[in-house]
């Protein structure tokens, strides 16, 4: 349902894709995934940066490599904000050094509607090559994600549909 107020971002559909064995090792998942570009507000008044994420509806947190965030001029918390937290991954429990923060962004490239405010953990020990993970934590009340595995010629594995429900 379209918003008459212009506050909502337009609905977005992204293809679900199979994960190769090589990707499965780096992403920590096997099966299908969806990549989504968010346009994140950068620091210092710079225009929003297109930023790729692997969508993980089961993730409690969104994760970005601190080094990658800094190289892309994202606003990151200071070093004194660093904490070590236990995380559950496919390989089992592990401790992760992070800086908790927030990102504001749009899934629509024209930045239509209000941005989403996402809680994110900037991962201190991750190299920039580690894919950023987009989880539902913190935005579950403002957006709805529908993973639909129905076959379509243009996307044999189905789609992820994102709806702004604010």
N, C-alpha and C. Protein backbone atom coordinates (compact mmCIF):
# COMPACT_ATOMS: atom_id res chain seq x y z
N UNK A 1 0.84 -1.17 0.00
CA UNK A 1 0.00 0.00 0.00
C UNK A 1 0.89 1.24 0.00
N UNK A 2 0.65 2.15 -0.91
CA UNK A 2 1.48 3.35 -1.03
C UNK A 2 1.12 4.35 0.05
N UNK A 3 2.12 5.05 0.49
CA UNK A 3 1.91 6.08 1.50
C UNK A 3 1.44 7.36 0.84
N UNK A 4 0.43 7.98 1.38
CA UNK A 4 -0.02 9.26 0.84
C UNK A 4 0.77 10.41 1.43
N UNK A 5 1.53 10.13 2.49
CA UNK A 5 2.28 11.19 3.15
C UNK A 5 3.68 11.39 2.57
N UNK A 6 4.16 10.43 1.77
CA UNK A 6 5.51 10.52 1.23
C UNK A 6 6.59 10.15 2.23
N UNK A 7 6.19 9.62 3.41
CA UNK A 7 7.15 9.25 4.43
C UNK A 7 7.80 7.91 4.15
N UNK A 8 7.07 7.04 3.49
CA UNK A 8 7.55 5.68 3.25
C UNK A 8 8.43 5.60 2.01
N UNK A 9 9.37 4.67 2.08
CA UNK A 9 10.17 4.39 0.90
C UNK A 9 9.38 3.44 -0.01
N UNK A 10 9.57 3.55 -1.31
CA UNK A 10 8.86 2.64 -2.23
C UNK A 10 9.26 1.19 -1.98
N UNK A 11 8.34 0.28 -2.26
CA UNK A 11 8.60 -1.15 -2.15
C UNK A 11 9.75 -1.52 -3.08
N UNK A 12 10.57 -2.45 -2.64
CA UNK A 12 11.73 -2.88 -3.44
C UNK A 12 11.74 -4.40 -3.53
N UNK A 13 12.07 -4.93 -4.71
CA UNK A 13 12.21 -6.38 -4.91
C UNK A 13 13.62 -6.68 -5.38
N UNK A 14 14.23 -7.66 -4.72
CA UNK A 14 15.58 -8.09 -5.07
C UNK A 14 15.57 -9.60 -5.31
N UNK A 15 16.37 -10.04 -6.26
CA UNK A 15 16.44 -11.47 -6.60
C UNK A 15 17.14 -12.26 -5.50
N UNK A 16 16.60 -13.45 -5.23
CA UNK A 16 17.30 -14.42 -4.38
C UNK A 16 18.26 -15.18 -5.28
N UNK A 17 19.47 -15.43 -4.77
CA UNK A 17 20.51 -16.07 -5.58
C UNK A 17 21.10 -17.25 -4.82
N UNK A 18 21.52 -18.29 -5.58
CA UNK A 18 22.19 -19.41 -4.91
C UNK A 18 23.57 -18.98 -4.41
N UNK A 19 24.02 -19.60 -3.34
CA UNK A 19 25.33 -19.31 -2.77
C UNK A 19 26.28 -20.42 -3.17
N UNK A 20 27.41 -20.05 -3.77
CA UNK A 20 28.41 -21.06 -4.13
C UNK A 20 29.14 -21.51 -2.87
N UNK A 21 29.86 -22.60 -2.97
CA UNK A 21 30.62 -23.12 -1.82
C UNK A 21 31.65 -22.09 -1.36
N UNK A 22 32.30 -21.41 -2.30
CA UNK A 22 33.29 -20.38 -1.95
C UNK A 22 32.62 -19.26 -1.16
N UNK A 23 31.46 -18.80 -1.63
CA UNK A 23 30.73 -17.75 -0.91
C UNK A 23 30.25 -18.25 0.44
N UNK A 24 29.83 -19.48 0.51
CA UNK A 24 29.32 -20.04 1.77
C UNK A 24 30.36 -19.94 2.87
N UNK A 25 31.63 -20.19 2.54
CA UNK A 25 32.69 -20.07 3.54
C UNK A 25 32.84 -18.66 4.05
N UNK A 26 32.81 -17.66 3.15
CA UNK A 26 33.02 -16.28 3.58
C UNK A 26 31.77 -15.68 4.22
N UNK A 27 30.59 -16.12 3.79
CA UNK A 27 29.35 -15.57 4.34
C UNK A 27 28.86 -16.32 5.57
N UNK A 28 29.27 -17.58 5.69
CA UNK A 28 28.81 -18.38 6.81
C UNK A 28 27.41 -18.93 6.59
N UNK A 29 26.95 -18.98 5.33
CA UNK A 29 25.62 -19.51 5.04
C UNK A 29 25.70 -20.43 3.84
N UNK A 30 24.75 -21.34 3.75
CA UNK A 30 24.63 -22.22 2.59
C UNK A 30 23.19 -22.15 2.13
N UNK A 31 22.97 -22.06 0.84
CA UNK A 31 21.62 -22.02 0.29
C UNK A 31 21.44 -20.80 -0.60
N UNK A 32 20.43 -20.00 -0.30
CA UNK A 32 20.14 -18.79 -1.08
C UNK A 32 20.52 -17.56 -0.29
N UNK A 33 20.85 -16.50 -1.01
CA UNK A 33 21.04 -15.22 -0.32
C UNK A 33 20.49 -14.11 -1.19
N UNK A 34 20.46 -12.95 -0.61
CA UNK A 34 20.01 -11.77 -1.33
C UNK A 34 20.96 -10.64 -1.00
N UNK A 35 21.40 -9.96 -2.02
CA UNK A 35 22.26 -8.79 -1.82
C UNK A 35 21.43 -7.55 -2.06
N UNK A 36 21.64 -6.57 -1.21
CA UNK A 36 20.86 -5.34 -1.28
C UNK A 36 21.81 -4.16 -1.17
N UNK A 37 21.60 -3.17 -2.00
CA UNK A 37 22.38 -1.93 -1.92
C UNK A 37 21.58 -0.95 -1.07
N UNK A 38 22.19 -0.49 0.03
CA UNK A 38 21.61 0.60 0.81
C UNK A 38 22.40 1.86 0.48
N UNK A 39 21.73 2.98 0.49
CA UNK A 39 22.36 4.27 0.26
C UNK A 39 22.46 4.94 1.63
N UNK A 40 23.67 4.86 2.20
CA UNK A 40 23.90 5.25 3.60
C UNK A 40 24.44 6.66 3.68
N UNK A 41 23.87 7.43 4.63
CA UNK A 41 24.37 8.78 4.87
C UNK A 41 25.82 8.71 5.30
N UNK A 42 26.65 9.46 4.62
CA UNK A 42 28.07 9.54 4.97
C UNK A 42 28.28 10.73 5.90
N UNK A 43 29.43 10.77 6.55
CA UNK A 43 29.76 11.88 7.44
C UNK A 43 30.19 13.10 6.64
N UNK A 44 30.37 14.20 7.32
CA UNK A 44 30.88 15.44 6.74
C UNK A 44 30.03 16.00 5.61
N UNK A 45 28.71 15.74 5.63
CA UNK A 45 27.82 16.31 4.63
C UNK A 45 27.97 15.72 3.24
N UNK A 46 28.66 14.58 3.11
CA UNK A 46 28.82 13.94 1.81
C UNK A 46 27.53 13.25 1.41
N UNK A 47 27.32 13.07 0.11
CA UNK A 47 26.13 12.38 -0.38
C UNK A 47 26.13 10.93 0.07
N UNK A 48 24.95 10.32 0.18
CA UNK A 48 24.86 8.92 0.60
C UNK A 48 25.66 8.00 -0.32
N UNK A 49 26.33 7.05 0.31
CA UNK A 49 27.16 6.07 -0.39
C UNK A 49 26.34 4.82 -0.69
N UNK A 50 26.40 4.31 -1.94
CA UNK A 50 25.81 2.98 -2.18
C UNK A 50 26.67 1.93 -1.49
N UNK A 51 26.03 1.11 -0.70
CA UNK A 51 26.76 0.19 0.17
C UNK A 51 26.13 -1.20 0.05
N UNK A 52 26.89 -2.22 -0.41
CA UNK A 52 26.31 -3.57 -0.57
C UNK A 52 26.22 -4.33 0.75
N UNK A 53 25.11 -5.02 0.92
CA UNK A 53 24.89 -5.88 2.08
C UNK A 53 24.39 -7.24 1.62
N UNK A 54 24.70 -8.25 2.41
CA UNK A 54 24.04 -9.55 2.28
C UNK A 54 22.92 -9.52 3.31
N UNK A 55 21.70 -9.77 2.87
CA UNK A 55 20.54 -9.73 3.75
C UNK A 55 20.47 -11.03 4.55
N UNK A 56 20.31 -10.90 5.87
CA UNK A 56 20.18 -12.07 6.74
C UNK A 56 19.03 -11.81 7.70
N UNK A 57 17.86 -12.33 7.36
CA UNK A 57 16.67 -12.08 8.18
C UNK A 57 16.78 -12.71 9.56
N UNK A 58 17.67 -13.66 9.74
CA UNK A 58 17.86 -14.29 11.04
C UNK A 58 18.90 -13.60 11.91
N UNK A 59 19.56 -12.59 11.36
CA UNK A 59 20.60 -11.91 12.12
C UNK A 59 20.00 -10.91 13.09
N UNK A 60 20.46 -10.96 14.32
CA UNK A 60 20.00 -9.99 15.32
C UNK A 60 20.67 -8.64 15.11
N UNK A 61 21.84 -8.65 14.46
CA UNK A 61 22.61 -7.43 14.28
C UNK A 61 22.99 -7.26 12.81
N UNK A 62 23.17 -6.03 12.41
CA UNK A 62 23.80 -5.73 11.14
C UNK A 62 25.28 -5.51 11.43
N UNK A 63 26.14 -5.98 10.53
CA UNK A 63 27.58 -5.91 10.75
C UNK A 63 28.27 -5.26 9.55
N UNK A 64 29.22 -4.38 9.82
CA UNK A 64 30.04 -3.74 8.79
C UNK A 64 31.47 -3.73 9.29
N UNK A 65 32.40 -4.05 8.42
CA UNK A 65 33.81 -3.93 8.76
C UNK A 65 34.11 -2.46 9.10
N UNK A 66 34.72 -2.23 10.25
CA UNK A 66 35.08 -0.88 10.66
C UNK A 66 35.98 -0.22 9.62
N UNK A 67 36.96 -0.99 9.15
CA UNK A 67 37.89 -0.45 8.16
C UNK A 67 37.16 -0.04 6.87
N UNK A 68 36.22 -0.85 6.43
CA UNK A 68 35.44 -0.51 5.23
C UNK A 68 34.60 0.73 5.47
N UNK A 69 33.93 0.80 6.62
CA UNK A 69 33.10 1.97 6.95
C UNK A 69 33.92 3.25 6.95
N UNK A 70 35.10 3.19 7.54
CA UNK A 70 35.96 4.37 7.58
C UNK A 70 36.43 4.77 6.19
N UNK A 71 36.75 3.78 5.35
CA UNK A 71 37.22 4.08 3.99
C UNK A 71 36.11 4.69 3.13
N UNK A 72 34.84 4.44 3.52
CA UNK A 72 33.70 4.96 2.77
C UNK A 72 33.09 6.20 3.45
N UNK A 73 33.80 6.77 4.41
CA UNK A 73 33.40 8.01 5.10
C UNK A 73 32.12 7.89 5.90
N UNK A 74 31.81 6.68 6.39
CA UNK A 74 30.65 6.55 7.26
C UNK A 74 31.01 7.05 8.65
N UNK A 75 30.03 7.57 9.34
CA UNK A 75 30.24 8.03 10.71
C UNK A 75 30.32 6.81 11.61
N UNK A 76 31.47 6.65 12.28
CA UNK A 76 31.67 5.49 13.16
C UNK A 76 31.94 5.97 14.57
N UNK A 77 31.57 5.17 15.57
CA UNK A 77 31.83 5.54 16.97
C UNK A 77 33.33 5.59 17.24
N UNK A 78 33.75 6.31 18.28
CA UNK A 78 35.17 6.43 18.62
C UNK A 78 35.71 5.12 19.21
N UNK A 79 37.04 4.98 19.26
CA UNK A 79 37.66 3.74 19.80
C UNK A 79 37.21 3.40 21.22
N UNK A 80 36.93 4.41 22.05
CA UNK A 80 36.52 4.11 23.43
C UNK A 80 35.15 3.41 23.50
N UNK A 81 34.42 3.37 22.38
CA UNK A 81 33.12 2.68 22.35
C UNK A 81 33.28 1.17 22.12
N UNK A 82 34.48 0.71 21.83
CA UNK A 82 34.71 -0.71 21.51
C UNK A 82 34.37 -1.61 22.69
N UNK A 83 33.70 -2.71 22.36
CA UNK A 83 33.37 -3.75 23.33
C UNK A 83 33.58 -5.10 22.68
N UNK A 84 33.72 -6.12 23.50
CA UNK A 84 33.81 -7.48 23.00
C UNK A 84 32.52 -8.18 23.38
N UNK A 85 31.83 -8.75 22.39
CA UNK A 85 30.55 -9.39 22.66
C UNK A 85 30.54 -10.81 22.11
N UNK A 86 29.78 -11.69 22.76
CA UNK A 86 29.66 -13.05 22.23
C UNK A 86 28.66 -13.06 21.07
N UNK A 87 29.02 -13.73 19.99
CA UNK A 87 28.14 -13.85 18.83
C UNK A 87 28.01 -15.32 18.47
N UNK A 88 26.84 -15.68 18.00
CA UNK A 88 26.62 -17.04 17.51
C UNK A 88 26.74 -17.01 16.00
N UNK A 89 27.65 -17.80 15.45
CA UNK A 89 27.81 -17.88 14.00
C UNK A 89 27.60 -19.31 13.57
N UNK A 90 27.67 -19.54 12.27
CA UNK A 90 27.51 -20.89 11.75
C UNK A 90 28.57 -21.82 12.34
N UNK A 91 29.77 -21.30 12.57
CA UNK A 91 30.86 -22.09 13.14
C UNK A 91 30.77 -22.27 14.64
N UNK A 92 29.77 -21.69 15.28
CA UNK A 92 29.62 -21.79 16.73
C UNK A 92 29.82 -20.44 17.39
N UNK A 93 29.85 -20.42 18.72
CA UNK A 93 30.01 -19.14 19.43
C UNK A 93 31.42 -18.58 19.25
N UNK A 94 31.50 -17.27 19.17
CA UNK A 94 32.79 -16.59 19.07
C UNK A 94 32.67 -15.20 19.69
N UNK A 95 33.79 -14.70 20.14
CA UNK A 95 33.84 -13.33 20.67
C UNK A 95 34.20 -12.39 19.53
N UNK A 96 33.52 -11.26 19.49
CA UNK A 96 33.74 -10.31 18.41
C UNK A 96 33.95 -8.92 18.99
N UNK A 97 34.99 -8.24 18.54
CA UNK A 97 35.28 -6.87 18.97
C UNK A 97 34.56 -5.93 18.03
N UNK A 98 33.67 -5.07 18.59
CA UNK A 98 32.83 -4.19 17.77
C UNK A 98 32.71 -2.80 18.39
N UNK A 99 32.25 -1.89 17.58
CA UNK A 99 31.83 -0.57 18.04
C UNK A 99 30.35 -0.43 17.67
N UNK A 100 29.45 -0.48 18.66
CA UNK A 100 28.02 -0.31 18.36
C UNK A 100 27.74 1.10 17.86
N UNK A 101 26.93 1.17 16.82
CA UNK A 101 26.58 2.47 16.25
C UNK A 101 25.27 2.40 15.48
N UNK A 102 25.07 3.35 14.60
CA UNK A 102 23.85 3.43 13.81
C UNK A 102 24.21 3.89 12.40
N UNK A 103 23.40 3.47 11.45
CA UNK A 103 23.49 3.99 10.09
C UNK A 103 22.10 4.46 9.68
N UNK A 104 22.06 5.44 8.82
CA UNK A 104 20.78 5.91 8.26
C UNK A 104 20.88 5.74 6.76
N UNK A 105 19.84 5.12 6.17
CA UNK A 105 19.93 4.89 4.75
C UNK A 105 18.61 4.55 4.10
N UNK A 106 18.67 4.47 2.79
CA UNK A 106 17.52 4.17 1.93
C UNK A 106 17.82 2.94 1.10
N UNK A 107 16.80 2.14 0.82
CA UNK A 107 16.99 1.05 -0.14
C UNK A 107 16.67 1.55 -1.53
N UNK A 108 15.99 2.67 -1.65
CA UNK A 108 15.65 3.24 -2.95
C UNK A 108 16.77 4.18 -3.39
N UNK A 109 17.32 3.98 -4.60
CA UNK A 109 18.49 4.78 -5.02
C UNK A 109 18.22 6.29 -5.11
N UNK A 110 16.96 6.67 -5.30
CA UNK A 110 16.64 8.10 -5.38
C UNK A 110 16.37 8.71 -4.01
N UNK A 111 16.56 7.91 -2.97
CA UNK A 111 16.39 8.36 -1.59
C UNK A 111 14.99 8.96 -1.37
N UNK A 112 13.98 8.26 -1.88
CA UNK A 112 12.60 8.66 -1.71
C UNK A 112 12.12 8.21 -0.34
N UNK A 113 11.37 9.06 0.35
CA UNK A 113 10.87 8.73 1.68
C UNK A 113 11.93 8.98 2.74
N UNK A 114 11.54 8.76 3.98
CA UNK A 114 12.47 8.94 5.09
C UNK A 114 13.46 7.78 5.16
N UNK A 115 14.70 8.06 5.58
CA UNK A 115 15.66 6.96 5.72
C UNK A 115 15.32 6.09 6.91
N UNK A 116 15.81 4.86 6.86
CA UNK A 116 15.73 3.96 8.01
C UNK A 116 16.93 4.23 8.89
N UNK A 117 16.72 4.08 10.18
CA UNK A 117 17.79 4.23 11.16
C UNK A 117 18.09 2.83 11.68
N UNK A 118 19.23 2.26 11.25
CA UNK A 118 19.57 0.87 11.55
C UNK A 118 20.63 0.80 12.63
N UNK A 119 20.43 0.01 13.69
CA UNK A 119 21.54 -0.26 14.60
C UNK A 119 22.55 -1.16 13.88
N UNK A 120 23.82 -0.91 14.09
CA UNK A 120 24.85 -1.67 13.39
C UNK A 120 26.05 -1.86 14.33
N UNK A 121 26.73 -2.97 14.13
CA UNK A 121 27.98 -3.22 14.84
C UNK A 121 29.11 -3.07 13.84
N UNK A 122 30.00 -2.13 14.09
CA UNK A 122 31.17 -1.96 13.25
C UNK A 122 32.22 -2.93 13.77
N UNK A 123 32.52 -3.94 12.98
CA UNK A 123 33.41 -5.03 13.41
C UNK A 123 34.87 -4.60 13.27
N UNK A 124 35.54 -4.51 14.41
CA UNK A 124 36.91 -4.00 14.47
C UNK A 124 37.90 -4.94 13.78
N UNK A 125 37.72 -6.25 13.93
CA UNK A 125 38.71 -7.21 13.43
C UNK A 125 38.44 -7.71 12.01
N UNK A 126 37.42 -7.21 11.33
CA UNK A 126 37.08 -7.71 10.00
C UNK A 126 37.75 -6.90 8.90
N UNK A 127 38.38 -7.57 7.94
CA UNK A 127 38.94 -6.83 6.81
C UNK A 127 37.81 -6.31 5.91
N UNK A 128 38.10 -5.30 5.09
CA UNK A 128 37.06 -4.73 4.22
C UNK A 128 36.44 -5.73 3.25
N UNK A 129 37.13 -6.82 2.98
CA UNK A 129 36.62 -7.81 2.03
C UNK A 129 35.49 -8.67 2.61
N UNK A 130 35.30 -8.66 3.93
CA UNK A 130 34.21 -9.44 4.54
C UNK A 130 32.89 -8.75 4.21
N UNK A 131 31.93 -9.50 3.64
CA UNK A 131 30.65 -8.88 3.27
C UNK A 131 29.93 -8.29 4.48
N UNK A 132 29.32 -7.13 4.27
CA UNK A 132 28.49 -6.52 5.31
C UNK A 132 27.18 -7.29 5.39
N UNK A 133 26.67 -7.48 6.61
CA UNK A 133 25.44 -8.24 6.84
C UNK A 133 24.35 -7.27 7.28
N UNK A 134 23.19 -7.39 6.66
CA UNK A 134 22.04 -6.57 7.03
C UNK A 134 21.02 -7.46 7.73
N UNK A 135 20.81 -7.21 9.03
CA UNK A 135 19.86 -7.96 9.82
C UNK A 135 18.63 -7.13 10.12
N UNK A 136 17.59 -7.80 10.57
CA UNK A 136 16.33 -7.13 10.88
C UNK A 136 16.34 -6.44 12.24
N UNK A 137 17.32 -6.74 13.08
CA UNK A 137 17.36 -6.16 14.42
C UNK A 137 17.24 -4.65 14.40
N UNK A 138 16.29 -4.12 15.16
CA UNK A 138 16.13 -2.67 15.29
C UNK A 138 15.19 -2.04 14.28
N UNK A 139 14.83 -2.77 13.21
CA UNK A 139 13.94 -2.17 12.21
C UNK A 139 12.71 -3.03 11.94
N UNK A 140 12.55 -4.09 12.70
CA UNK A 140 11.45 -5.03 12.45
C UNK A 140 10.07 -4.35 12.56
N UNK A 141 9.97 -3.28 13.32
CA UNK A 141 8.69 -2.58 13.45
C UNK A 141 8.47 -1.55 12.35
N UNK A 142 9.48 -1.28 11.55
CA UNK A 142 9.35 -0.24 10.51
C UNK A 142 9.42 -0.77 9.09
N UNK A 143 9.93 -2.00 8.91
CA UNK A 143 9.93 -2.56 7.57
C UNK A 143 9.63 -4.05 7.62
N UNK A 144 9.06 -4.52 6.55
CA UNK A 144 8.63 -5.91 6.43
C UNK A 144 9.42 -6.54 5.30
N UNK A 145 10.01 -7.72 5.56
CA UNK A 145 10.76 -8.44 4.53
C UNK A 145 10.01 -9.72 4.21
N UNK A 146 9.76 -9.97 2.94
CA UNK A 146 9.08 -11.19 2.51
C UNK A 146 10.00 -11.96 1.57
N UNK A 147 10.44 -13.12 2.01
CA UNK A 147 11.23 -14.00 1.15
C UNK A 147 10.25 -14.92 0.45
N UNK A 148 10.14 -14.78 -0.86
CA UNK A 148 9.19 -15.56 -1.66
C UNK A 148 9.99 -16.39 -2.65
N UNK A 149 9.99 -17.70 -2.46
CA UNK A 149 10.76 -18.59 -3.32
C UNK A 149 10.02 -19.03 -4.57
N UNK A 150 8.95 -18.35 -4.93
CA UNK A 150 8.20 -18.71 -6.12
C UNK A 150 9.04 -18.47 -7.37
N UNK A 151 9.06 -19.46 -8.25
CA UNK A 151 9.83 -19.35 -9.49
C UNK A 151 9.31 -18.22 -10.37
N UNK A 152 10.23 -17.48 -10.96
CA UNK A 152 9.93 -16.50 -12.00
C UNK A 152 11.06 -16.58 -13.02
N UNK A 153 10.76 -16.38 -14.30
CA UNK A 153 11.78 -16.50 -15.33
C UNK A 153 12.99 -15.62 -15.04
N UNK A 154 12.75 -14.38 -14.61
CA UNK A 154 13.85 -13.45 -14.35
C UNK A 154 14.57 -13.73 -13.02
N UNK A 155 13.95 -14.53 -12.16
CA UNK A 155 14.56 -14.89 -10.89
C UNK A 155 14.09 -16.28 -10.47
N UNK A 156 14.78 -17.32 -10.95
CA UNK A 156 14.31 -18.70 -10.71
C UNK A 156 14.19 -19.08 -9.24
N UNK A 157 14.92 -18.41 -8.35
CA UNK A 157 14.88 -18.76 -6.93
C UNK A 157 13.92 -17.89 -6.13
N UNK A 158 13.30 -16.92 -6.79
CA UNK A 158 12.34 -16.05 -6.11
C UNK A 158 12.91 -14.69 -5.79
N UNK A 159 12.21 -13.98 -4.90
CA UNK A 159 12.54 -12.60 -4.58
C UNK A 159 12.48 -12.33 -3.08
N UNK A 160 13.17 -11.29 -2.69
CA UNK A 160 12.97 -10.65 -1.41
C UNK A 160 12.22 -9.36 -1.70
N UNK A 161 11.08 -9.16 -1.06
CA UNK A 161 10.33 -7.91 -1.21
C UNK A 161 10.43 -7.16 0.09
N UNK A 162 10.84 -5.89 0.01
CA UNK A 162 10.98 -5.02 1.18
C UNK A 162 9.87 -3.98 1.14
N UNK A 163 9.12 -3.88 2.25
CA UNK A 163 8.04 -2.92 2.37
C UNK A 163 8.29 -2.02 3.59
N UNK A 164 8.14 -0.74 3.37
CA UNK A 164 8.22 0.25 4.44
C UNK A 164 6.84 0.31 5.09
N UNK A 165 6.72 -0.04 6.37
CA UNK A 165 5.42 -0.10 7.03
C UNK A 165 5.25 0.99 8.08
N UNK A 166 6.05 2.05 7.98
CA UNK A 166 5.93 3.13 8.96
C UNK A 166 4.65 3.91 8.75
